[in-house]
Amino acid sequence: MKYMLIMRDSDAAIEAAKEVPFEEIIARMGKFNEQLVEAGVLAAGEGLTPAEEGFVVDFDEDPPIVTDGPYGETKELFNGFWMLEVSSKEEAAEWAKRVPLGPGSKIEVRRVSGVEDFPQDNEWIQKEVGWREELEGKSRA
């Protein structure tokens, strides 16, 4: 099963992180990532740039409206993610509890839907299976 761990911080957590040397933060995250790799559960993971560098596409209008960041409240934003391939929800929770974050931070954990979660006789699901196989072939080449 694939699970996404989504990192969220409060304003207080962001301020507290400013008190910790950046090299220390990188080392903590690096050690955690190394554990994920050594356990063979890391499928992907990335940090994200600040919301000020992003934008939102709002579909309440036609055509959709693009608004530059920052947007939303800090607690609504996410700062990075890990994609884990684990055997259970419980295993995902155990990894999430190990993320090196402090007070004011949260990890939202969500199972990633697979093609097996959808009707297999659907034309678009069948195409999705083909696209994934094609992408896998390209990544091995």
Protein backbone atom coordinates (compact mmCIF):
# COMPACT_ATOMS: atom_id res chain seq x y z
CA MET A 1 0.00 0.00 0.00
CA LYS A 2 1.13 3.48 -0.76
CA TYR A 3 0.71 6.28 1.79
CA MET A 4 1.54 9.96 1.55
CA LEU A 5 2.88 11.73 4.62
CA ILE A 6 2.09 15.43 4.33
CA MET A 7 4.03 17.89 6.49
CA ARG A 8 2.07 20.83 7.95
CA ASP A 9 3.38 23.54 10.29
CA SER A 10 1.77 26.25 12.39
CA ASP A 11 3.15 29.79 12.54
CA ALA A 12 4.65 28.89 15.94
CA ALA A 13 6.45 25.86 14.48
CA ILE A 14 7.88 27.96 11.67
CA GLU A 15 9.17 30.55 14.16
CA ALA A 16 10.65 27.82 16.39
CA ALA A 17 12.46 26.30 13.40
CA LYS A 18 14.21 29.63 12.84
CA GLU A 19 15.97 29.08 16.18
CA VAL A 20 17.51 25.80 14.98
CA PRO A 21 20.56 25.95 12.69
CA PHE A 22 19.56 25.03 9.14
CA GLU A 23 22.36 22.43 8.96
CA GLU A 24 20.82 20.68 11.98
CA ILE A 25 17.39 20.59 10.32
CA ILE A 26 18.93 19.16 7.14
CA ALA A 27 20.81 16.53 9.17
CA ARG A 28 17.66 15.45 11.05
CA MET A 29 15.66 15.13 7.84
CA GLY A 30 18.57 13.42 6.11
CA LYS A 31 18.82 10.79 8.85
CA PHE A 32 15.07 10.18 8.68
CA ASN A 33 15.19 9.86 4.88
CA GLU A 34 18.14 7.47 5.20
CA GLN A 35 16.08 5.26 7.53
CA LEU A 36 13.25 5.22 5.00
CA VAL A 37 15.64 4.25 2.19
CA GLU A 38 17.36 1.55 4.27
CA ALA A 39 13.95 0.08 5.19
CA GLY A 40 13.00 0.05 1.50
CA VAL A 41 9.78 2.02 2.02
CA LEU A 42 10.57 5.40 0.43
CA ALA A 43 8.90 5.79 -2.98
CA ALA A 44 9.35 9.59 -3.21
CA GLY A 45 9.75 12.65 -1.06
CA GLU A 46 10.31 16.35 -1.56
CA GLY A 47 10.33 19.60 0.31
CA LEU A 48 8.43 22.52 -1.12
CA THR A 49 9.37 26.17 -1.57
CA PRO A 50 7.52 28.77 0.54
CA ALA A 51 3.90 29.57 -0.35
CA GLU A 52 5.02 33.01 -1.54
CA GLU A 53 6.59 31.29 -4.55
CA GLY A 54 3.47 29.30 -5.38
CA PHE A 55 0.03 30.07 -6.72
CA VAL A 56 -3.53 28.78 -6.56
CA VAL A 57 -5.85 28.05 -9.46
CA ASP A 58 -9.45 28.74 -8.34
CA PHE A 59 -12.18 27.02 -10.35
CA ASP A 60 -15.05 29.11 -8.93
CA GLU A 61 -14.85 31.25 -12.07
CA ASP A 62 -14.76 30.40 -15.76
CA PRO A 63 -12.03 30.68 -16.83
CA PRO A 64 -10.26 29.69 -13.59
CA ILE A 65 -8.42 32.47 -11.76
CA VAL A 66 -4.72 32.18 -10.90
CA THR A 67 -3.68 33.90 -7.66
CA ASP A 68 -0.07 34.24 -6.55
CA GLY A 69 0.89 33.13 -3.05
CA PRO A 70 0.92 33.43 -0.19
CA TYR A 71 -2.56 32.05 0.12
CA GLY A 72 -4.60 30.50 2.90
CA GLU A 73 -3.62 30.16 6.51
CA THR A 74 -0.26 28.63 7.38
CA LYS A 75 -1.92 25.58 8.94
CA GLU A 76 -3.69 24.89 5.61
CA LEU A 77 -0.45 24.73 3.63
CA PHE A 78 1.92 21.84 3.36
CA ASN A 79 5.69 22.12 3.26
CA GLY A 80 6.77 18.77 1.95
CA PHE A 81 5.80 15.14 1.61
CA TRP A 82 7.00 11.57 1.60
CA MET A 83 5.44 8.79 -0.43
CA LEU A 84 5.86 5.46 1.34
CA GLU A 85 5.25 1.92 0.11
CA VAL A 86 4.32 0.02 3.29
CA SER A 87 2.33 -3.05 4.25
CA SER A 88 -0.34 -1.37 6.40
CA LYS A 89 -1.91 1.79 7.78
CA GLU A 90 -0.25 1.00 11.09
CA GLU A 91 3.20 0.87 9.50
CA ALA A 92 2.54 4.25 7.84
CA ALA A 93 1.56 5.66 11.25
CA GLU A 94 4.76 4.33 12.82
CA TRP A 95 6.89 6.06 10.18
CA ALA A 96 4.86 9.27 10.53
CA LYS A 97 5.55 9.35 14.27
CA ARG A 98 9.30 9.25 13.54
CA VAL A 99 9.39 12.40 11.37
CA PRO A 100 11.80 14.79 13.11
CA LEU A 101 9.36 17.65 13.79
CA GLY A 102 8.42 19.50 16.94
CA PRO A 103 5.42 21.17 18.58
CA GLY A 104 3.14 23.00 16.17
CA SER A 105 3.84 20.57 13.34
CA LYS A 106 1.59 17.83 12.06
CA ILE A 107 1.89 14.99 9.60
CA GLU A 108 -1.28 14.20 7.69
CA VAL A 109 -1.25 10.59 6.44
CA ARG A 110 -3.38 9.58 3.47
CA ARG A 111 -3.54 6.32 1.56
CA VAL A 112 -2.91 6.81 -2.15
CA SER A 113 -5.60 5.26 -4.32
CA GLY A 114 -4.39 2.66 -6.76
CA VAL A 115 -5.98 1.58 -10.01
CA GLU A 116 -7.24 -1.49 -8.16
CA ASP A 117 -9.58 0.82 -6.19
CA PHE A 118 -11.60 1.63 -9.32
CA PRO A 119 -13.82 -0.38 -11.68
CA GLN A 120 -11.45 -2.42 -13.83
CA ASP A 121 -13.80 -2.44 -16.82
CA ASN A 122 -13.72 1.37 -17.09
CA GLU A 123 -12.06 2.62 -20.29
CA TRP A 124 -10.11 5.36 -18.47
CA ILE A 125 -8.89 3.01 -15.76
CA GLN A 126 -7.64 0.63 -18.44
CA LYS A 127 -5.83 3.54 -20.11
CA GLU A 128 -4.35 4.52 -16.74
CA VAL A 129 -2.93 1.02 -16.32
CA GLY A 130 -1.34 1.29 -19.77
CA TRP A 131 0.10 4.75 -19.04
CA ARG A 132 1.64 3.53 -15.79
CA GLU A 133 3.21 0.54 -17.55
CA GLU A 134 4.57 2.88 -20.22
CA LEU A 135 6.05 5.23 -17.60
CA GLU A 136 7.61 2.31 -15.72
CA GLY A 137 9.23 1.14 -18.96
CA LYS A 138 10.66 4.61 -19.57
CA SER A 139 12.04 4.89 -16.04
CA ARG A 140 13.85 1.52 -16.41
CA ALA A 141 15.38 2.52 -19.74
